[in-house]
């Protein structure tokens, strides 16, 4: 080797060493493979660091272990899958399939996905849009065959379209479905659509101008169930297998309702807020598109990754980048097509929650960042656990949002407390039941409690100003006062409640 080449070689080596030192010093060293020991340590921190999404300024934040929260909330099982760096980092099952028994939950154990079923059904519809078989903006009565949406005065100029069904602006009624139990008479899909016995829901009809406002509608997704059956000629479980479950590798999942007896041993039982097994072990949902999916967190994580791949233009077994972009674009706050959306850029998040009797679930994905999680629980007390576990995951994996935030609380006079105490009427529940929100006081502290949707514990209301409050779970409430200073309305999210005199 000549001198010039030797000097060049030494110079390159020296610069490479210097660059390595610089990268290490600045924390931008080459990524290292995550060893099982490192990942296990992260898992232990996650399940040992559950916390509320809100910390009160000046006060220490509570911490719990997952086992502690499962015991106090009477939830026998929780199953988790965490997504990091664009892949499933880990999945674990915790607890047992049924209270007072010993059969453990694994990553293969089936849970009801509840309303997350809607997002998976939306994916099937969008796959047919991508292939040219459906249009987002054609009136759906064009596609419906044995049953059509009855015409009325709300549909004179605007029609129910697939886009409006998927973003919950269709005007179709029935927010959710209570389901049925073993031994009940199970209605046909047409009986559900028409609200005919033995269906336990009112008829699914249009009661406002389509496209004029957002209102969550499980009824709209049941109309979509009929549409997909009509257009494919397949049973709903079969078409979902063909369009979504098989292409995404969701090998454990099924939309079969009732769950076939051959798979009962694979499934958890649902539990009420006291930890008792619900009648029949789980609800039966002929409204499969809205609430009928049986699945695992791992399978739902595969779906979230496939949607992300399509959105990034990396190739997906589901649909095109164009369709994925529509799906993850706000149509009307807070929804895209089939999923709830938050944020933009690095904080863009698509998600969907689920709540059937005895079950709770949540899927969250940050497509830009390749981060997310799926959590499923087999108890009515699972809501708080899911929220606290998501916060722990967000903190450990440095999510762009959903990490714990610190908020300040102001002192509130007795007169200001008196002004908002009372009962507020909310929109009816899934089967038309009366739902209220009650604000009470104990030892100088305000509490809020939803009543009419099964047992729900009261939550402490923390004032950020005399008419705005929040909970440790991150829910915000605001009150509208009349000229006398007395609250007449309460608002949280898209829900407005009117004070009952």
Protein backbone atom coordinates (compact mmCIF):
# COMPACT_ATOMS: atom_id res chain seq x y z
CA UNK A 1 0.00 0.00 0.00
CA UNK A 2 1.44 3.43 -0.89
CA UNK A 3 1.74 6.30 1.61
CA UNK A 4 -1.26 8.25 0.31
CA UNK A 5 -3.51 5.20 0.60
CA UNK A 6 -2.19 4.44 4.09
CA UNK A 7 -2.88 8.02 5.20
CA UNK A 8 -6.37 7.90 3.65
CA UNK A 9 -7.10 4.62 5.41
CA UNK A 10 -5.92 5.97 8.74
CA UNK A 11 -7.95 9.16 8.20
CA UNK A 12 -11.14 7.22 7.48
CA UNK A 13 -10.58 5.01 10.51
CA UNK A 14 -9.91 8.00 12.73
CA UNK A 15 -13.02 9.82 11.52
CA UNK A 16 -15.12 6.68 11.94
CA UNK A 17 -13.91 6.30 15.52
CA UNK A 18 -14.54 9.96 16.22
CA UNK A 19 -18.02 9.71 14.73
CA UNK A 20 -18.75 6.67 16.88
CA UNK A 21 -17.64 8.53 20.00
CA UNK A 22 -19.75 11.54 19.02
CA UNK A 23 -22.86 9.46 18.34
CA UNK A 24 -22.50 7.67 21.64
CA UNK A 25 -21.94 10.93 23.49
CA UNK A 26 -25.02 12.52 21.98
CA UNK A 27 -27.23 9.49 22.49
CA UNK A 28 -27.56 8.76 18.76
CA UNK A 29 -25.59 5.56 18.78
CA UNK A 30 -26.42 2.82 16.31
CA UNK A 31 -29.60 1.02 17.40
CA UNK A 32 -28.97 -2.09 19.42
CA UNK A 33 -31.05 -5.23 19.25
CA UNK A 34 -33.50 -5.48 22.13
CA UNK A 35 -32.52 -8.51 24.16
CA UNK A 36 -35.11 -10.62 25.97
CA UNK A 37 -33.69 -9.38 29.26
CA UNK A 38 -34.16 -5.74 28.26
CA UNK A 39 -37.70 -6.35 26.98
CA UNK A 40 -38.65 -8.29 30.11
CA UNK A 41 -37.43 -5.40 32.24
CA UNK A 42 -39.62 -3.03 30.22
CA UNK A 43 -42.61 -5.31 30.64
CA UNK A 44 -42.06 -5.40 34.39
CA UNK A 45 -41.93 -1.61 34.50
CA UNK A 46 -45.16 -1.41 32.48
CA UNK A 47 -47.17 -3.82 34.61
CA UNK A 48 -45.67 -2.40 37.80
CA UNK A 49 -46.27 1.24 36.90
CA UNK A 50 -49.98 1.69 36.24
CA UNK A 51 -50.98 5.29 36.88
CA UNK A 52 -53.81 7.72 36.13
CA UNK A 53 -53.52 9.78 32.97
CA UNK A 54 -53.62 12.96 35.09
CA UNK A 55 -51.41 13.90 38.02
CA UNK A 56 -52.44 16.72 40.34
CA UNK A 57 -49.84 19.48 40.52
CA UNK A 58 -48.13 19.50 43.89
CA UNK A 59 -49.33 16.02 44.83
CA UNK A 60 -47.55 12.65 44.42
CA UNK A 61 -48.99 10.53 41.60
CA UNK A 62 -50.46 7.16 42.50
CA UNK A 63 -48.83 3.96 41.21
CA UNK A 64 -50.28 0.45 41.11
CA UNK A 65 -49.31 -2.94 39.81
CA UNK A 66 -51.53 -4.58 37.24
CA UNK A 67 -52.30 -7.37 39.72
CA UNK A 68 -53.42 -4.83 42.32
CA UNK A 69 -55.76 -3.07 39.90
CA UNK A 70 -57.20 -6.33 38.57
CA UNK A 71 -57.98 -7.44 42.13
CA UNK A 72 -59.53 -4.14 43.21
CA UNK A 73 -61.58 -3.84 40.00
CA UNK A 74 -62.73 -7.49 40.05
CA UNK A 75 -61.30 -8.21 36.59
CA UNK A 76 -59.97 -11.79 36.35
CA UNK A 77 -58.03 -11.40 33.09
CA UNK A 78 -56.19 -8.80 31.02
CA UNK A 79 -54.45 -9.49 27.72
CA UNK A 80 -51.98 -7.04 26.14
CA UNK A 81 -50.03 -6.56 22.92
CA UNK A 82 -47.55 -3.68 22.56
CA UNK A 83 -46.38 -2.31 19.21
CA UNK A 84 -43.00 -0.58 18.97
CA UNK A 85 -40.71 0.25 16.04
CA UNK A 86 -43.42 -0.89 13.61
CA UNK A 87 -43.79 -4.43 14.96
CA UNK A 88 -45.31 -6.33 17.85
CA UNK A 89 -42.75 -5.92 20.64
CA UNK A 90 -44.45 -8.27 23.06
CA UNK A 91 -47.76 -9.82 24.05
CA UNK A 92 -48.79 -11.28 27.39
CA UNK A 93 -51.86 -12.68 29.08
CA UNK A 94 -52.47 -12.07 32.78
CA UNK A 95 -54.93 -13.78 35.11
CA UNK A 96 -57.50 -16.50 34.53
CA UNK A 97 -60.29 -17.08 32.03
CA UNK A 98 -62.96 -17.24 34.71
CA UNK A 99 -63.15 -16.13 38.33
CA UNK A 100 -62.51 -18.80 40.96
CA UNK A 101 -60.93 -21.11 38.36
CA UNK A 102 -57.30 -21.70 37.45
CA UNK A 103 -57.24 -21.92 33.64
CA UNK A 104 -54.71 -19.20 32.71
CA UNK A 105 -55.06 -16.60 29.99
CA UNK A 106 -52.47 -16.79 27.20
CA UNK A 107 -51.85 -14.66 24.13
CA UNK A 108 -54.10 -17.08 22.20
CA UNK A 109 -57.11 -16.69 24.50
CA UNK A 110 -60.18 -15.16 22.86
CA UNK A 111 -61.92 -12.03 24.13
CA UNK A 112 -64.96 -10.23 22.75
CA UNK A 113 -63.72 -7.17 20.86
CA UNK A 114 -67.03 -5.39 21.37
CA UNK A 115 -67.25 -2.15 19.37
CA UNK A 116 -63.76 -2.61 17.94
CA UNK A 117 -65.72 -4.94 15.64
CA UNK A 118 -66.92 -1.77 13.89
CA UNK A 119 -63.38 -0.77 12.90
CA UNK A 120 -62.67 -4.23 11.48
CA UNK A 121 -65.99 -4.19 9.60
CA UNK A 122 -65.12 -0.74 8.22
CA UNK A 123 -61.87 -2.26 6.96
CA UNK A 124 -63.83 -4.85 4.96
CA UNK A 125 -66.01 -2.15 3.41
CA UNK A 126 -62.94 -0.09 2.49
CA UNK A 127 -61.33 -3.15 0.91
CA UNK A 128 -64.36 -3.37 -1.41
CA UNK A 129 -64.07 0.37 -2.14
CA UNK A 130 -60.40 -0.12 -2.98
CA UNK A 131 -61.25 -2.94 -5.41
CA UNK A 132 -63.97 -0.84 -7.08
CA UNK A 133 -66.94 -2.88 -5.85
CA UNK A 134 -68.34 -0.11 -3.64
CA UNK A 135 -68.31 3.68 -3.63
CA UNK A 136 -68.02 5.80 -0.51
CA UNK A 137 -70.50 8.40 -1.75
CA UNK A 138 -73.21 6.34 -3.48
CA UNK A 139 -76.49 6.07 -1.53
CA UNK A 140 -76.37 2.73 0.28
CA UNK A 141 -79.92 1.85 -0.80
CA UNK A 142 -78.34 1.29 -4.22
CA UNK A 143 -76.46 -1.66 -2.74
CA UNK A 144 -79.04 -3.01 -0.27
CA UNK A 145 -81.33 -5.77 -1.60
CA UNK A 146 -83.94 -7.51 0.59
CA UNK A 147 -84.09 -4.58 3.00
CA UNK A 148 -83.63 -0.88 2.37
CA UNK A 149 -83.51 2.15 4.64
CA UNK A 150 -87.10 3.47 4.75
CA UNK A 151 -87.36 6.87 3.11
CA UNK A 152 -88.53 9.86 5.14
CA UNK A 153 -88.39 13.66 5.24
CA UNK A 154 -84.78 13.74 6.46
CA UNK A 155 -83.55 12.14 3.23
CA UNK A 156 -85.14 14.51 0.72
CA UNK A 157 -81.88 16.11 -0.38
CA UNK A 158 -79.18 14.14 1.46
CA UNK A 159 -78.80 10.36 1.52
CA UNK A 160 -77.18 7.75 3.69
CA UNK A 161 -73.84 6.81 2.12
CA UNK A 162 -71.07 4.43 3.09
CA UNK A 163 -68.83 7.37 4.01
CA UNK A 164 -71.48 8.74 6.36
CA UNK A 165 -72.04 5.36 7.98
CA UNK A 166 -68.31 4.91 8.58
CA UNK A 167 -67.85 8.36 10.15
CA UNK A 168 -71.14 8.21 12.11
CA UNK A 169 -72.91 11.07 10.34
CA UNK A 170 -75.56 8.96 8.59
CA UNK A 171 -78.48 9.97 10.81
CA UNK A 172 -79.20 6.29 11.52
CA UNK A 173 -80.48 5.55 15.01
CA UNK A 174 -79.51 3.06 17.74
CA UNK A 175 -76.19 3.84 19.40
CA UNK A 176 -75.39 0.33 20.61
CA UNK A 177 -76.76 -3.13 21.30
CA UNK A 178 -77.21 -4.93 24.60
CA UNK A 179 -76.84 -8.41 23.11
CA UNK A 180 -78.55 -11.63 24.19
CA UNK A 181 -77.81 -14.51 26.52
CA UNK A 182 -77.73 -18.26 26.20
CA UNK A 183 -81.32 -19.48 26.17
CA UNK A 184 -82.73 -16.25 24.71
CA UNK A 185 -84.49 -16.16 21.36
CA UNK A 186 -81.95 -14.66 18.95
CA UNK A 187 -83.38 -12.34 16.28
CA UNK A 188 -82.48 -12.44 12.62
CA UNK A 189 -80.59 -9.54 11.09
CA UNK A 190 -83.80 -8.28 9.44
CA UNK A 191 -85.58 -8.33 12.81
CA UNK A 192 -82.74 -6.26 14.28
CA UNK A 193 -82.96 -3.75 11.42
CA UNK A 194 -86.72 -3.39 11.88
CA UNK A 195 -86.72 -3.54 15.67
CA UNK A 196 -89.07 -6.53 15.62
CA UNK A 197 -89.31 -9.08 18.42
CA UNK A 198 -87.30 -10.85 19.67
CA UNK A 199 -84.89 -7.97 18.87
CA UNK A 200 -84.37 -5.81 21.96
CA UNK A 201 -83.58 -2.61 20.05
CA UNK A 202 -85.87 -0.05 18.38
CA UNK A 203 -86.05 0.10 14.57
CA UNK A 204 -82.94 1.44 12.82
CA UNK A 205 -84.12 4.53 10.99
CA UNK A 206 -82.88 7.97 9.92
CA UNK A 207 -83.87 10.78 12.29
CA UNK A 208 -81.71 13.70 11.15
CA UNK A 209 -80.39 14.95 7.81
CA UNK A 210 -77.49 12.68 6.77
CA UNK A 211 -74.16 14.44 6.90
CA UNK A 212 -75.39 17.28 9.10
CA UNK A 213 -73.79 16.18 12.39
CA UNK A 214 -71.88 13.44 14.19
CA UNK A 215 -73.67 10.84 16.30
CA UNK A 216 -72.21 7.45 17.10
CA UNK A 217 -74.42 4.82 15.49
CA UNK A 218 -74.09 1.09 15.96
CA UNK A 219 -77.29 0.88 13.95
CA UNK A 220 -75.48 2.27 10.92
CA UNK A 221 -72.87 -0.48 11.16
CA UNK A 222 -75.64 -3.12 11.26
CA UNK A 223 -77.00 -1.62 8.03
CA UNK A 224 -73.47 -2.04 6.68
CA UNK A 225 -73.53 -5.68 7.78
CA UNK A 226 -76.57 -6.27 5.57
CA UNK A 227 -74.97 -4.35 2.70
CA UNK A 228 -71.79 -6.45 2.79
CA UNK A 229 -73.80 -9.67 2.82
CA UNK A 230 -75.86 -8.45 -0.14
CA UNK A 231 -72.82 -7.41 -2.18
CA UNK A 232 -70.65 -10.48 -1.59
CA UNK A 233 -73.28 -13.22 -1.37
CA UNK A 234 -71.40 -14.63 1.63
CA UNK A 235 -72.32 -15.06 5.27
CA UNK A 236 -70.93 -12.26 7.41
CA UNK A 237 -68.28 -14.42 9.17
CA UNK A 238 -67.14 -15.80 5.81
CA UNK A 239 -66.87 -12.42 4.09
CA UNK A 240 -64.94 -11.01 7.04
CA UNK A 241 -62.55 -13.97 6.88
CA UNK A 242 -62.01 -13.36 3.17
CA UNK A 243 -61.67 -9.58 3.22
CA UNK A 244 -59.86 -8.90 6.52
CA UNK A 245 -59.07 -11.74 8.91
CA UNK A 246 -57.15 -13.99 6.52
CA UNK A 247 -55.29 -11.21 4.65
CA UNK A 248 -54.05 -9.69 7.92
CA UNK A 249 -53.11 -13.00 9.54
CA UNK A 250 -55.77 -12.73 12.26
CA UNK A 251 -55.77 -16.50 12.56
CA UNK A 252 -57.38 -16.71 15.99
CA UNK A 253 -60.29 -14.39 15.20
CA UNK A 254 -63.88 -15.04 14.19
CA UNK A 255 -67.14 -13.16 13.74
CA UNK A 256 -69.20 -16.31 14.35
CA UNK A 257 -72.13 -15.62 16.69
CA UNK A 258 -72.84 -17.45 18.89
CA UNK A 259 -69.25 -18.57 19.37
CA UNK A 260 -69.09 -22.23 18.23
CA UNK A 261 -69.01 -24.68 21.13
CA UNK A 262 -65.75 -26.14 19.81
CA UNK A 263 -64.05 -22.83 20.70
CA UNK A 264 -65.60 -22.25 24.13
CA UNK A 265 -62.49 -23.57 25.85
CA UNK A 266 -60.43 -20.91 24.03
CA UNK A 267 -62.50 -18.02 25.39
CA UNK A 268 -62.67 -16.04 28.61
CA UNK A 269 -65.93 -15.52 30.46
CA UNK A 270 -67.31 -12.02 30.98
CA UNK A 271 -67.69 -10.65 34.52
CA UNK A 272 -69.83 -7.93 36.08
CA UNK A 273 -68.48 -5.11 38.25
CA UNK A 274 -68.51 -7.41 41.30
CA UNK A 275 -66.42 -10.01 39.50
CA UNK A 276 -69.27 -12.47 39.02
CA UNK A 277 -69.62 -14.40 35.76
CA UNK A 278 -72.40 -12.91 33.62
CA UNK A 279 -75.29 -15.08 32.53
CA UNK A 280 -74.29 -17.39 29.70
CA UNK A 281 -70.59 -16.41 30.16
CA UNK A 282 -70.76 -13.82 27.37
CA UNK A 283 -73.33 -11.84 25.36
CA UNK A 284 -74.45 -13.11 21.96
CA UNK A 285 -74.49 -10.51 19.18
CA UNK A 286 -76.35 -11.15 15.92
CA UNK A 287 -75.25 -7.54 15.29
CA UNK A 288 -71.91 -9.06 14.33
CA UNK A 289 -70.54 -6.03 12.47
CA UNK A 290 -71.14 -3.77 15.45
CA UNK A 291 -70.10 -6.01 18.33
CA UNK A 292 -69.54 -9.64 17.31
CA UNK A 293 -65.78 -10.14 16.85
CA UNK A 294 -63.92 -12.67 19.01
CA UNK A 295 -60.18 -12.00 18.86
CA UNK A 296 -56.88 -11.48 20.68
CA UNK A 297 -54.73 -8.38 21.21
CA UNK A 298 -52.07 -9.91 18.95
CA UNK A 299 -54.55 -10.28 16.08
CA UNK A 300 -55.80 -6.70 16.51
CA UNK A 301 -52.20 -5.47 16.56
CA UNK A 302 -51.68 -7.22 13.19
CA UNK A 303 -54.67 -5.31 11.83
CA UNK A 304 -53.34 -1.98 13.13
CA UNK A 305 -49.97 -2.67 11.50
CA UNK A 306 -51.60 -3.53 8.15
CA UNK A 307 -53.62 -0.30 8.18
CA UNK A 308 -50.41 1.56 9.01
CA UNK A 309 -48.53 -0.13 6.16
CA UNK A 310 -51.25 0.88 3.69
CA UNK A 311 -51.24 4.46 4.99
CA UNK A 312 -47.45 4.68 4.62
CA UNK A 313 -47.61 3.24 1.11
CA UNK A 314 -45.52 0.25 2.17
CA UNK A 315 -47.88 -2.30 0.67
CA UNK A 316 -50.80 -3.83 2.51
CA UNK A 317 -52.97 -6.88 2.10
CA UNK A 318 -56.04 -4.73 2.80
CA UNK A 319 -56.32 -1.72 0.50
CA UNK A 320 -54.50 1.07 -1.28
CA UNK A 321 -52.65 4.04 0.20
CA UNK A 322 -55.41 6.31 -1.17
CA UNK A 323 -58.08 4.45 0.77
CA UNK A 324 -55.92 4.31 3.91
CA UNK A 325 -55.38 8.07 3.66
CA UNK A 326 -59.15 8.58 3.54
CA UNK A 327 -59.58 6.23 6.48
CA UNK A 328 -57.13 8.22 8.61
CA UNK A 329 -58.43 11.65 7.60
CA UNK A 330 -61.03 13.38 9.76
CA UNK A 331 -64.44 13.30 8.06
CA UNK A 332 -66.27 14.96 10.94
CA UNK A 333 -64.75 15.32 14.40
CA UNK A 334 -63.66 12.99 15.92
CA UNK A 335 -63.95 10.27 13.27
CA UNK A 336 -62.20 9.17 10.13
CA UNK A 337 -63.63 6.16 8.32
CA UNK A 338 -64.32 3.54 10.97
CA UNK A 339 -61.83 4.82 13.54
CA UNK A 340 -61.53 7.69 15.98
CA UNK A 341 -58.70 10.11 15.20
CA UNK A 342 -56.59 12.46 17.31
CA UNK A 343 -53.57 14.62 16.60
CA UNK A 344 -51.53 15.20 13.45
CA UNK A 345 -48.04 14.39 12.25
CA UNK A 346 -46.13 12.52 14.98
CA UNK A 347 -49.16 12.65 17.29
CA UNK A 348 -51.63 11.26 14.73
CA UNK A 349 -53.46 8.42 16.42
CA UNK A 350 -56.22 6.08 15.30
CA UNK A 351 -58.11 4.15 17.92
CA UNK A 352 -61.30 2.38 18.87
CA UNK A 353 -62.72 1.33 22.22
CA UNK A 354 -65.11 -1.49 23.04
CA UNK A 355 -67.66 -2.17 25.77
CA UNK A 356 -69.94 -5.22 25.85
CA UNK A 357 -71.49 -6.61 29.02
CA UNK A 358 -68.62 -8.28 30.87
CA UNK A 359 -65.88 -7.07 28.50
CA UNK A 360 -63.79 -3.96 27.81
CA UNK A 361 -61.11 -3.31 25.16
CA UNK A 362 -59.02 -0.62 23.48
CA UNK A 363 -56.76 -0.42 20.43
CA UNK A 364 -54.47 2.60 19.93
CA UNK A 365 -51.99 3.13 17.08
CA UNK A 366 -49.62 5.98 16.17
CA UNK A 367 -48.93 5.21 12.49
CA UNK A 368 -46.22 7.83 12.00
CA UNK A 369 -44.28 6.53 14.99
CA UNK A 370 -44.97 2.81 14.62
CA UNK A 371 -46.13 2.63 18.24
CA UNK A 372 -49.34 1.37 19.79
CA UNK A 373 -51.07 -1.15 22.02
CA UNK A 374 -54.13 -3.35 22.34
CA UNK A 375 -55.61 -4.19 25.73
CA UNK A 376 -58.56 -6.51 26.39
CA UNK A 377 -60.22 -7.28 29.74
CA UNK A 378 -62.98 -9.65 30.81
CA UNK A 379 -64.75 -7.49 33.36
CA UNK A 380 -66.99 -4.44 33.56
CA UNK A 381 -64.37 -2.91 35.85
CA UNK A 382 -61.82 -2.95 33.05
CA UNK A 383 -62.16 0.66 31.88
CA UNK A 384 -59.93 2.19 34.55
CA UNK A 385 -57.37 -0.60 34.23
CA UNK A 386 -57.12 -0.10 30.47
CA UNK A 387 -56.65 3.64 30.84
CA UNK A 388 -54.01 3.28 33.55
CA UNK A 389 -52.16 0.54 31.68
CA UNK A 390 -52.15 2.59 28.48
CA UNK A 391 -50.60 5.50 30.39
CA UNK A 392 -47.90 3.19 31.75
CA UNK A 393 -47.15 1.86 28.24
CA UNK A 394 -47.11 5.39 26.83
CA UNK A 395 -44.59 6.50 29.45
CA UNK A 396 -42.31 3.48 29.00
CA UNK A 397 -42.33 3.51 25.19
CA UNK A 398 -42.27 7.31 24.88
CA UNK A 399 -45.48 7.74 22.94
CA UNK A 400 -46.08 11.18 21.42
CA UNK A 401 -49.25 11.51 23.51
CA UNK A 402 -51.30 9.66 26.14
CA UNK A 403 -48.46 10.08 28.61
CA UNK A 404 -49.33 11.33 32.07
CA UNK A 405 -49.97 15.08 32.26
CA UNK A 406 -49.91 17.35 35.29
CA UNK A 407 -52.88 19.62 35.90
CA UNK A 408 -53.59 22.30 38.45
CA UNK A 409 -56.64 22.29 40.71
CA UNK A 410 -58.22 25.47 42.05
CA UNK A 411 -60.13 25.83 45.34
CA UNK A 412 -63.88 25.97 44.80
CA UNK A 413 -66.37 27.73 47.02
CA UNK A 414 -69.35 25.93 48.51
CA UNK A 415 -71.60 28.18 46.43
CA UNK A 416 -69.84 27.13 43.20
CA UNK A 417 -70.17 23.49 44.21
CA UNK A 418 -73.85 23.94 44.99
CA UNK A 419 -74.39 25.48 41.55
CA UNK A 420 -73.52 22.30 39.65
CA UNK A 421 -74.74 19.61 42.05
CA UNK A 422 -77.72 17.68 40.74
CA UNK A 423 -78.84 15.15 38.13
CA UNK A 424 -78.42 15.63 34.37
CA UNK A 425 -80.31 13.70 31.71
CA UNK A 426 -78.12 12.15 29.01
CA UNK A 427 -79.06 10.50 25.72
CA UNK A 428 -80.64 7.02 26.12
CA UNK A 429 -78.56 3.88 26.36
CA UNK A 430 -78.25 1.14 23.71
CA UNK A 431 -81.69 -0.30 24.40
CA UNK A 432 -83.39 3.00 25.15
CA UNK A 433 -82.71 2.91 28.88
CA UNK A 434 -82.68 6.16 30.85
CA UNK A 435 -79.14 7.44 31.46
CA UNK A 436 -78.19 10.23 33.87
CA UNK A 437 -75.09 11.89 35.27
CA UNK A 438 -75.28 12.74 38.96
CA UNK A 439 -73.02 15.26 40.71
CA UNK A 440 -72.79 14.81 44.47
CA UNK A 441 -70.59 16.04 47.30
CA UNK A 442 -68.93 14.20 50.17
CA UNK A 443 -66.63 15.81 52.73
CA UNK A 444 -66.25 18.87 50.54
CA UNK A 445 -65.28 16.92 47.39
CA UNK A 446 -67.43 16.65 44.26
CA UNK A 447 -68.11 13.32 42.58
CA UNK A 448 -69.69 12.49 39.23
CA UNK A 449 -71.39 9.20 38.38
CA UNK A 450 -73.08 7.88 35.24
CA UNK A 451 -76.20 5.87 36.06
CA UNK A 452 -78.31 3.63 33.87
CA UNK A 453 -75.52 1.81 32.01
CA UNK A 454 -74.77 -0.79 34.65
CA UNK A 455 -72.73 -0.32 37.83
CA UNK A 456 -70.16 2.47 37.41
CA UNK A 457 -68.26 3.90 40.37
CA UNK A 458 -68.39 7.63 41.13
CA UNK A 459 -65.33 9.59 40.05
CA UNK A 460 -63.77 12.57 41.79
CA UNK A 461 -64.30 15.84 39.89
CA UNK A 462 -61.34 18.22 40.07
CA UNK A 463 -62.03 21.90 39.27
CA UNK A 464 -59.74 23.75 36.86
CA UNK A 465 -62.14 26.72 37.01
CA UNK A 466 -65.64 27.18 38.49
CA UNK A 467 -67.37 25.57 35.47
CA UNK A 468 -64.69 23.18 34.13
CA UNK A 469 -63.68 19.92 35.77
CA UNK A 470 -61.60 16.85 35.01
CA UNK A 471 -61.11 13.35 36.37
CA UNK A 472 -57.89 11.46 37.04
CA UNK A 473 -58.75 9.40 33.97
CA UNK A 474 -58.50 12.49 31.78
CA UNK A 475 -62.21 13.09 31.14
CA UNK A 476 -63.17 16.77 30.91
CA UNK A 477 -66.55 18.14 31.96
CA UNK A 478 -67.93 21.65 31.52
CA UNK A 479 -71.12 23.21 32.86
CA UNK A 480 -73.29 25.96 31.38
CA UNK A 481 -74.81 28.34 33.94
CA UNK A 482 -78.01 30.36 33.69
CA UNK A 483 -78.30 34.02 34.66
CA UNK A 484 -78.70 33.08 38.32
CA UNK A 485 -75.44 31.15 38.31
CA UNK A 486 -77.06 27.71 38.44
CA UNK A 487 -75.86 24.96 36.06
CA UNK A 488 -78.39 23.97 33.40
CA UNK A 489 -76.25 21.76 31.11
CA UNK A 490 -73.22 19.51 31.29
CA UNK A 491 -70.96 18.71 28.32
CA UNK A 492 -68.30 16.02 27.97
CA UNK A 493 -67.04 14.96 24.58
CA UNK A 494 -69.91 15.10 22.12
CA UNK A 495 -72.47 14.45 24.88
CA UNK A 496 -74.63 17.22 26.29
CA UNK A 497 -76.80 16.59 29.32
CA UNK A 498 -79.69 18.73 30.56
CA UNK A 499 -80.25 19.30 34.26
CA UNK A 500 -83.35 17.62 35.63
CA UNK A 501 -85.32 20.16 37.73
